[in-house]
Amino acid sequence: MRLGSKDANEVVSPDRVSLVRSLGRWGLTALTINCVVGAGILGLPGKVYALAGASTGWVVAGAAILALAAALCLAELGSRMDGSGGPVEYCTAAFGPVAGFAAGWLLWAATVLAAASLLNLFATMMAPDAHTMIVVGTGLGLTVLTCAGMERSAIASGALTVLKLGLLAGVAIAGLTASAAPATLPSKAAQPVTALILMFFAFVGFERPTAVAGEVVDARRAVPFALLAGMAVVTALYAGVIAACWRGVPSLALSERPVGDLLARLFGNEVARGAELAAAVIVLGTLVSQWITAPRLMLALSESRQLPAIFGRIASGRGRRTWPS
């Protein structure tokens, strides 16, 4: 994308900061998966099946196609601009600074509010009696991790992503290979449109990794790769977990904890309690991704002179340099 005779990055970010590009395409792919996959997948199979019934497979496919269409748009934009901010840069380049500010502010607010809700949930899951201590301690720990730089943050995000994938893939494989006990059809009339909306919401989050493009090596190639590869993995993971529950939880339409019910049927209640630990790991991974992406949105808005310069201050041993150097 070129605006006049200047590159889009130069128009969007006149005071752009030179950041260390330490995140590779696989690290960005892991961050994409981490941003999308949340603890909701542990309860989603029952809710979607209760609404869609026999059409559940079509609903999952439809939601994946819609999410992929949106991801393709972001991938195209990411191949043309490589600064921090993602939607801030894209909307500013296409529609002007007001649209860029609105997109950045809304995405930042949604990220921070979701992080607050998940932090509260994480503390409740870990130890309700020490709720405040866990909230404060986890929040401070994530802040220190973020301030340590993208490289260390990406390592933490990648490790938690691998744990997420391992836990959920294990559920899918166990359910698909064990003896079948198919779910009975729900008694209520199917509501596939409502189920489609609910399922699509489970794919939301793929827009946030684009905010860190300013710290990605060869971002114009890495961002499209990470978005498409990440969404492919997420789609396969969701389809596997939902199919496993569909195949192995007879009362799926009524189940509030379908993954836990599946594990209880296959391995007993002791193993089923491990689903609670899995949920805590998934929530923590999502929190790490939110702590990584939210500050980069503030940076992008500051670079575009849509927020005071203090929001764009970067602590670095190499100092702050104007882009291009």
Protein backbone atom coordinates (compact mmCIF):
# COMPACT_ATOMS: atom_id res chain seq x y z
CA MET A 1 0.00 0.00 0.00
CA ARG A 2 1.39 3.36 -1.01
CA LEU A 3 -0.07 6.74 -0.19
CA GLY A 4 1.19 9.32 -2.66
CA SER A 5 4.94 8.92 -3.04
CA LYS A 6 5.54 7.69 0.50
CA ASP A 7 5.39 4.28 2.05
CA ALA A 8 2.31 3.67 4.18
CA ASN A 9 4.46 3.23 7.28
CA GLU A 10 5.92 6.70 6.88
CA VAL A 11 2.48 8.29 6.58
CA VAL A 12 0.93 6.36 9.45
CA SER A 13 3.80 6.68 11.93
CA PRO A 14 5.76 9.90 11.47
CA ASP A 15 7.56 9.43 14.79
CA ARG A 16 7.99 5.70 14.54
CA VAL A 17 10.35 4.06 17.02
CA SER A 18 13.02 1.64 15.92
CA LEU A 19 12.37 -1.56 17.87
CA VAL A 20 14.50 -4.67 18.11
CA ARG A 21 13.04 -7.25 15.75
CA SER A 22 13.50 -10.38 17.84
CA LEU A 23 10.30 -12.31 17.13
CA GLY A 24 10.36 -14.86 14.31
CA ARG A 25 7.50 -16.28 12.29
CA TRP A 26 7.04 -19.33 14.51
CA GLY A 27 7.03 -17.21 17.66
CA LEU A 28 4.39 -15.00 16.07
CA THR A 29 2.41 -18.07 15.04
CA ALA A 30 2.47 -19.31 18.63
CA LEU A 31 1.32 -15.87 19.80
CA THR A 32 -1.55 -15.98 17.30
CA ILE A 33 -2.71 -19.35 18.61
CA ASN A 34 -2.32 -18.11 22.17
CA CYS A 35 -4.45 -15.04 21.44
CA VAL A 36 -7.27 -17.08 19.92
CA VAL A 37 -7.53 -20.23 22.04
CA GLY A 38 -9.18 -19.48 25.36
CA ALA A 39 -10.66 -21.51 28.18
CA GLY A 40 -14.07 -21.17 26.53
CA ILE A 41 -13.29 -24.14 24.30
CA LEU A 42 -13.69 -26.38 27.36
CA GLY A 43 -17.39 -25.51 27.57
CA LEU A 44 -18.09 -24.55 23.96
CA PRO A 45 -18.86 -28.03 22.54
CA GLY A 46 -21.93 -28.41 24.75
CA LYS A 47 -23.30 -24.94 24.04
CA VAL A 48 -22.82 -25.18 20.28
CA TYR A 49 -24.33 -28.67 20.13
CA ALA A 50 -27.33 -27.57 22.19
CA LEU A 51 -28.00 -24.82 19.64
CA ALA A 52 -27.06 -26.56 16.40
CA GLY A 53 -27.65 -30.25 17.02
CA ALA A 54 -26.90 -32.32 13.94
CA SER A 55 -25.70 -29.16 12.12
CA THR A 56 -22.78 -28.67 14.52
CA GLY A 57 -20.20 -29.72 11.95
CA TRP A 58 -21.51 -27.21 9.43
CA VAL A 59 -21.52 -24.50 12.09
CA VAL A 60 -17.87 -25.12 12.94
CA ALA A 61 -16.93 -25.07 9.25
CA GLY A 62 -18.91 -21.88 8.64
CA ALA A 63 -17.34 -20.07 11.59
CA ALA A 64 -13.87 -21.15 10.46
CA ILE A 65 -14.51 -19.83 6.93
CA LEU A 66 -15.73 -16.47 8.25
CA ALA A 67 -12.73 -16.18 10.56
CA LEU A 68 -10.37 -17.14 7.73
CA ALA A 69 -11.87 -14.45 5.49
CA ALA A 70 -11.17 -11.81 8.14
CA ALA A 71 -7.69 -13.22 8.76
CA LEU A 72 -6.92 -13.04 5.03
CA CYS A 73 -7.75 -9.32 5.05
CA LEU A 74 -5.36 -8.77 7.94
CA ALA A 75 -2.73 -10.94 6.26
CA GLU A 76 -2.91 -8.77 3.13
CA LEU A 77 -2.53 -5.60 5.21
CA GLY A 78 0.25 -7.16 7.26
CA SER A 79 2.15 -7.90 4.06
CA ARG A 80 2.19 -4.17 3.24
CA MET A 81 2.93 -2.53 6.63
CA ASP A 82 5.38 -3.73 9.25
CA GLY A 83 5.03 -1.31 12.16
CA SER A 84 3.50 -1.79 15.59
CA GLY A 85 -0.21 -1.36 16.13
CA GLY A 86 -1.86 -3.60 13.56
CA PRO A 87 -5.43 -2.22 13.21
CA VAL A 88 -4.19 1.23 14.27
CA GLU A 89 -1.88 1.40 11.25
CA TYR A 90 -4.29 -0.28 8.87
CA CYS A 91 -7.28 1.93 9.67
CA THR A 92 -5.19 5.10 9.77
CA ALA A 93 -3.71 4.38 6.35
CA ALA A 94 -7.09 3.53 4.82
CA PHE A 95 -9.50 5.93 6.54
CA GLY A 96 -7.45 8.52 8.41
CA PRO A 97 -6.33 9.19 11.98
CA VAL A 98 -9.81 9.30 13.53
CA ALA A 99 -10.57 5.78 12.34
CA GLY A 100 -7.11 4.63 13.41
CA PHE A 101 -7.56 6.08 16.88
CA ALA A 102 -11.02 4.52 17.22
CA ALA A 103 -9.76 1.10 16.13
CA GLY A 104 -6.76 1.25 18.43
CA TRP A 105 -8.66 2.54 21.44
CA LEU A 106 -11.48 0.00 21.07
CA LEU A 107 -9.07 -2.91 20.66
CA TRP A 108 -6.96 -1.73 23.61
CA ALA A 109 -10.06 -1.32 25.81
CA ALA A 110 -11.39 -4.73 24.82
CA THR A 111 -8.01 -6.32 25.54
CA VAL A 112 -7.60 -4.68 28.94
CA LEU A 113 -11.18 -5.38 30.06
CA ALA A 114 -10.88 -9.00 28.97
CA ALA A 115 -7.55 -9.26 30.80
CA ALA A 116 -9.13 -7.95 34.00
CA SER A 117 -11.95 -10.48 33.73
CA LEU A 118 -9.56 -13.37 33.03
CA LEU A 119 -7.22 -12.34 35.83
CA ASN A 120 -10.15 -12.46 38.24
CA LEU A 121 -11.16 -15.87 36.86
CA PHE A 122 -7.59 -17.18 37.12
CA ALA A 123 -7.35 -16.16 40.78
CA THR A 124 -10.69 -17.79 41.53
CA MET A 125 -9.60 -21.02 39.85
CA MET A 126 -6.24 -21.15 41.61
CA ALA A 127 -7.18 -20.24 45.21
CA PRO A 128 -10.39 -18.35 46.04
CA ASP A 129 -9.18 -17.73 49.59
CA ALA A 130 -6.10 -15.86 48.32
CA HIS A 131 -7.88 -14.09 45.48
CA THR A 132 -6.44 -10.60 45.97
CA MET A 133 -2.90 -11.86 46.49
CA ILE A 134 -3.03 -13.94 43.30
CA VAL A 135 -4.50 -11.07 41.27
CA VAL A 136 -1.80 -8.66 42.42
CA GLY A 137 1.04 -11.17 42.19
CA THR A 138 0.07 -12.44 38.75
CA GLY A 139 -0.48 -8.93 37.44
CA LEU A 140 2.93 -7.78 38.68
CA GLY A 141 4.62 -10.89 37.33
CA LEU A 142 3.12 -10.42 33.88
CA THR A 143 4.12 -6.76 33.92
CA VAL A 144 7.72 -7.61 34.79
CA LEU A 145 7.74 -10.23 32.03
CA THR A 146 6.45 -7.70 29.50
CA CYS A 147 8.99 -5.09 30.56
CA ALA A 148 11.75 -7.67 30.08
CA GLY A 149 11.22 -7.42 26.34
CA MET A 150 9.63 -9.27 23.47
CA GLU A 151 12.15 -12.09 23.40
CA ARG A 152 11.41 -13.26 26.95
CA SER A 153 7.70 -12.59 26.59
CA ALA A 154 7.62 -14.67 23.41
CA ILE A 155 9.34 -17.57 25.16
CA ALA A 156 6.69 -17.56 27.89
CA SER A 157 3.89 -17.24 25.36
CA GLY A 158 5.33 -20.06 23.25
CA ALA A 159 5.71 -22.39 26.23
CA LEU A 160 2.12 -21.83 27.34
CA THR A 161 0.91 -22.24 23.76
CA VAL A 162 2.62 -25.63 23.56
CA LEU A 163 0.93 -26.63 26.82
CA LYS A 164 -2.45 -25.49 25.46
CA LEU A 165 -1.98 -27.45 22.27
CA GLY A 166 -0.78 -30.53 24.10
CA LEU A 167 -3.68 -30.56 26.55
CA LEU A 168 -6.41 -29.95 23.98
CA ALA A 169 -4.88 -32.23 21.36
CA GLY A 170 -4.71 -34.93 24.01
CA VAL A 171 -8.43 -34.49 24.72
CA ALA A 172 -9.25 -34.68 21.03
CA ILE A 173 -7.15 -37.80 20.41
CA ALA A 174 -8.48 -39.56 23.50
CA GLY A 175 -12.08 -38.85 22.58
CA LEU A 176 -11.71 -39.81 18.94
CA THR A 177 -9.90 -43.09 19.60
CA ALA A 178 -11.87 -44.39 22.60
CA SER A 179 -15.11 -46.34 22.44
CA ALA A 180 -17.97 -44.20 21.19
CA ALA A 181 -20.98 -43.03 23.18
CA PRO A 182 -22.57 -40.58 20.72
CA ALA A 183 -24.39 -37.50 21.94
CA THR A 184 -28.15 -37.58 21.81
CA LEU A 185 -29.84 -34.87 19.79
CA PRO A 186 -31.08 -31.85 21.77
CA SER A 187 -34.82 -31.65 22.34
CA LYS A 188 -35.05 -27.96 21.39
CA ALA A 189 -35.30 -26.70 17.82
CA ALA A 190 -31.98 -25.99 16.17
CA GLN A 191 -30.68 -22.41 16.15
CA PRO A 192 -27.76 -22.64 13.73
CA VAL A 193 -27.37 -18.88 13.26
CA THR A 194 -26.98 -18.31 17.01
CA ALA A 195 -24.59 -21.25 17.17
CA LEU A 196 -22.59 -19.79 14.28
CA ILE A 197 -22.21 -16.45 16.07
CA LEU A 198 -21.12 -18.21 19.25
CA MET A 199 -18.64 -20.36 17.36
CA PHE A 200 -17.22 -17.42 15.44
CA PHE A 201 -16.61 -15.59 18.73
CA ALA A 202 -14.33 -18.48 19.72
CA PHE A 203 -12.07 -17.57 16.78
CA VAL A 204 -11.80 -13.90 17.74
CA GLY A 205 -8.35 -12.71 18.83
CA PHE A 206 -6.40 -13.24 15.61
CA GLU A 207 -6.29 -9.46 15.11
CA ARG A 208 -4.20 -8.80 18.21
CA PRO A 209 -0.86 -10.37 17.14
CA THR A 210 -0.58 -7.84 14.31
CA ALA A 211 0.02 -5.20 16.99
CA VAL A 212 3.55 -6.53 17.57
CA ALA A 213 4.65 -6.48 13.91
CA GLY A 214 7.20 -3.76 14.69
CA GLU A 215 9.21 -6.36 16.64
CA VAL A 216 8.92 -9.18 14.10
CA VAL A 217 11.75 -10.24 11.80
CA ASP A 218 10.70 -9.77 8.15
CA ALA A 219 7.22 -8.82 9.33
CA ARG A 220 5.72 -8.44 5.88
CA ARG A 221 6.20 -12.15 5.30
CA ALA A 222 5.93 -13.39 8.86
CA VAL A 223 2.57 -11.77 9.70
CA PRO A 224 0.59 -13.39 6.84
CA PHE A 225 2.26 -16.74 7.54
CA ALA A 226 1.52 -16.57 11.28
CA LEU A 227 -2.11 -15.55 10.80
CA LEU A 228 -2.91 -18.29 8.30
CA ALA A 229 -0.89 -21.03 10.00
CA GLY A 230 -2.27 -20.07 13.40
CA MET A 231 -5.87 -20.11 12.20
CA ALA A 232 -5.34 -23.50 10.53
CA VAL A 233 -4.06 -24.97 13.80
CA VAL A 234 -6.89 -23.41 15.80
CA THR A 235 -9.51 -24.73 13.37
CA ALA A 236 -8.11 -28.26 13.54
CA LEU A 237 -7.92 -28.08 17.33
CA TYR A 238 -11.49 -26.81 17.76
CA ALA A 239 -12.86 -29.36 15.30
CA GLY A 240 -11.02 -32.16 17.10
CA VAL A 241 -12.23 -31.21 20.59
CA ILE A 242 -15.83 -30.69 19.47
CA ALA A 243 -15.85 -33.95 17.50
CA ALA A 244 -14.40 -35.81 20.49
CA CYS A 245 -17.13 -34.47 22.79
CA TRP A 246 -19.79 -35.15 20.17
CA ARG A 247 -18.57 -38.74 19.96
CA GLY A 248 -18.02 -39.37 23.65
CA VAL A 249 -20.47 -37.34 25.79
CA PRO A 250 -24.04 -38.74 25.52
CA SER A 251 -25.62 -35.77 27.32
CA LEU A 252 -23.57 -33.19 25.42
CA ALA A 253 -26.48 -30.80 24.83
CA LEU A 254 -27.00 -30.52 28.59
CA SER A 255 -23.35 -30.54 29.67
CA GLU A 256 -21.82 -27.42 31.21
CA ARG A 257 -18.37 -29.03 31.29
CA PRO A 258 -18.24 -31.31 28.24
CA VAL A 259 -14.46 -31.78 28.24
CA GLY A 260 -14.55 -32.69 31.94
CA ASP A 261 -17.45 -35.07 31.32
CA LEU A 262 -15.55 -36.69 28.45
CA LEU A 263 -12.46 -37.23 30.60
CA ALA A 264 -14.57 -38.55 33.47
CA ARG A 265 -16.17 -41.16 31.20
CA LEU A 266 -12.87 -42.23 29.71
CA PHE A 267 -10.51 -42.05 32.68
CA GLY A 268 -12.50 -41.40 35.85
CA ASN A 269 -13.21 -38.38 38.02
CA GLU A 270 -9.62 -37.93 39.19
CA VAL A 271 -8.40 -37.29 35.66
CA ALA A 272 -11.47 -35.17 34.95
CA ARG A 273 -10.38 -32.78 37.66
CA GLY A 274 -7.30 -32.16 35.52
CA ALA A 275 -9.58 -30.22 33.18
CA GLU A 276 -9.64 -27.48 35.81
CA LEU A 277 -5.85 -27.29 35.75
CA ALA A 278 -5.96 -27.23 31.95
CA ALA A 279 -8.38 -24.32 32.11
CA ALA A 280 -6.03 -22.41 34.41
CA VAL A 281 -3.09 -22.98 32.02
CA ILE A 282 -5.18 -21.79 29.08
CA VAL A 283 -6.31 -18.68 30.95
CA LEU A 284 -2.73 -17.85 31.97
CA GLY A 285 -1.58 -18.21 28.37
CA THR A 286 -4.27 -15.83 27.19
CA LEU A 287 -3.26 -13.34 29.89
CA VAL A 288 0.34 -13.40 28.68
CA SER A 289 -0.82 -12.65 25.13
CA GLN A 290 -2.93 -9.74 26.35
CA TRP A 291 -0.07 -8.27 28.37
CA ILE A 292 2.14 -8.49 25.27
CA THR A 293 -0.24 -6.86 22.79
CA ALA A 294 -1.92 -4.08 24.79
CA PRO A 295 1.20 -1.88 25.28
CA ARG A 296 2.01 -2.08 21.56
CA LEU A 297 -1.36 -0.51 20.76
CA MET A 298 -0.51 2.41 23.04
CA LEU A 299 2.86 2.73 21.34
CA ALA A 300 1.25 2.84 17.90
CA LEU A 301 -1.25 5.51 18.92
CA SER A 302 1.57 7.58 20.38
CA GLU A 303 3.66 7.20 17.23
CA SER A 304 0.72 8.43 15.18
CA ARG A 305 0.46 11.46 17.50
CA GLN A 306 -2.98 10.34 18.66
CA LEU A 307 -1.83 10.01 22.27
CA PRO A 308 0.75 12.00 24.28
CA ALA A 309 4.37 11.06 23.56
CA ILE A 310 4.82 9.55 27.04
CA PHE A 311 2.74 6.55 25.93
CA GLY A 312 5.40 5.82 23.33
CA ARG A 313 8.38 5.92 25.68
CA ILE A 314 10.52 2.80 25.26
CA ALA A 315 13.11 1.63 27.79
CA SER A 316 16.04 0.22 25.85
CA GLY A 317 19.78 -0.05 26.26
CA ARG A 318 20.09 1.05 22.65
CA GLY A 319 18.01 4.15 23.19
CA ARG A 320 15.11 5.54 21.23
CA ARG A 321 15.65 6.20 17.54
CA THR A 322 13.39 7.71 14.96
CA TRP A 323 12.38 5.47 12.05
CA PRO A 324 14.11 5.23 9.67
CA SER A 325 17.45 5.58 11.38
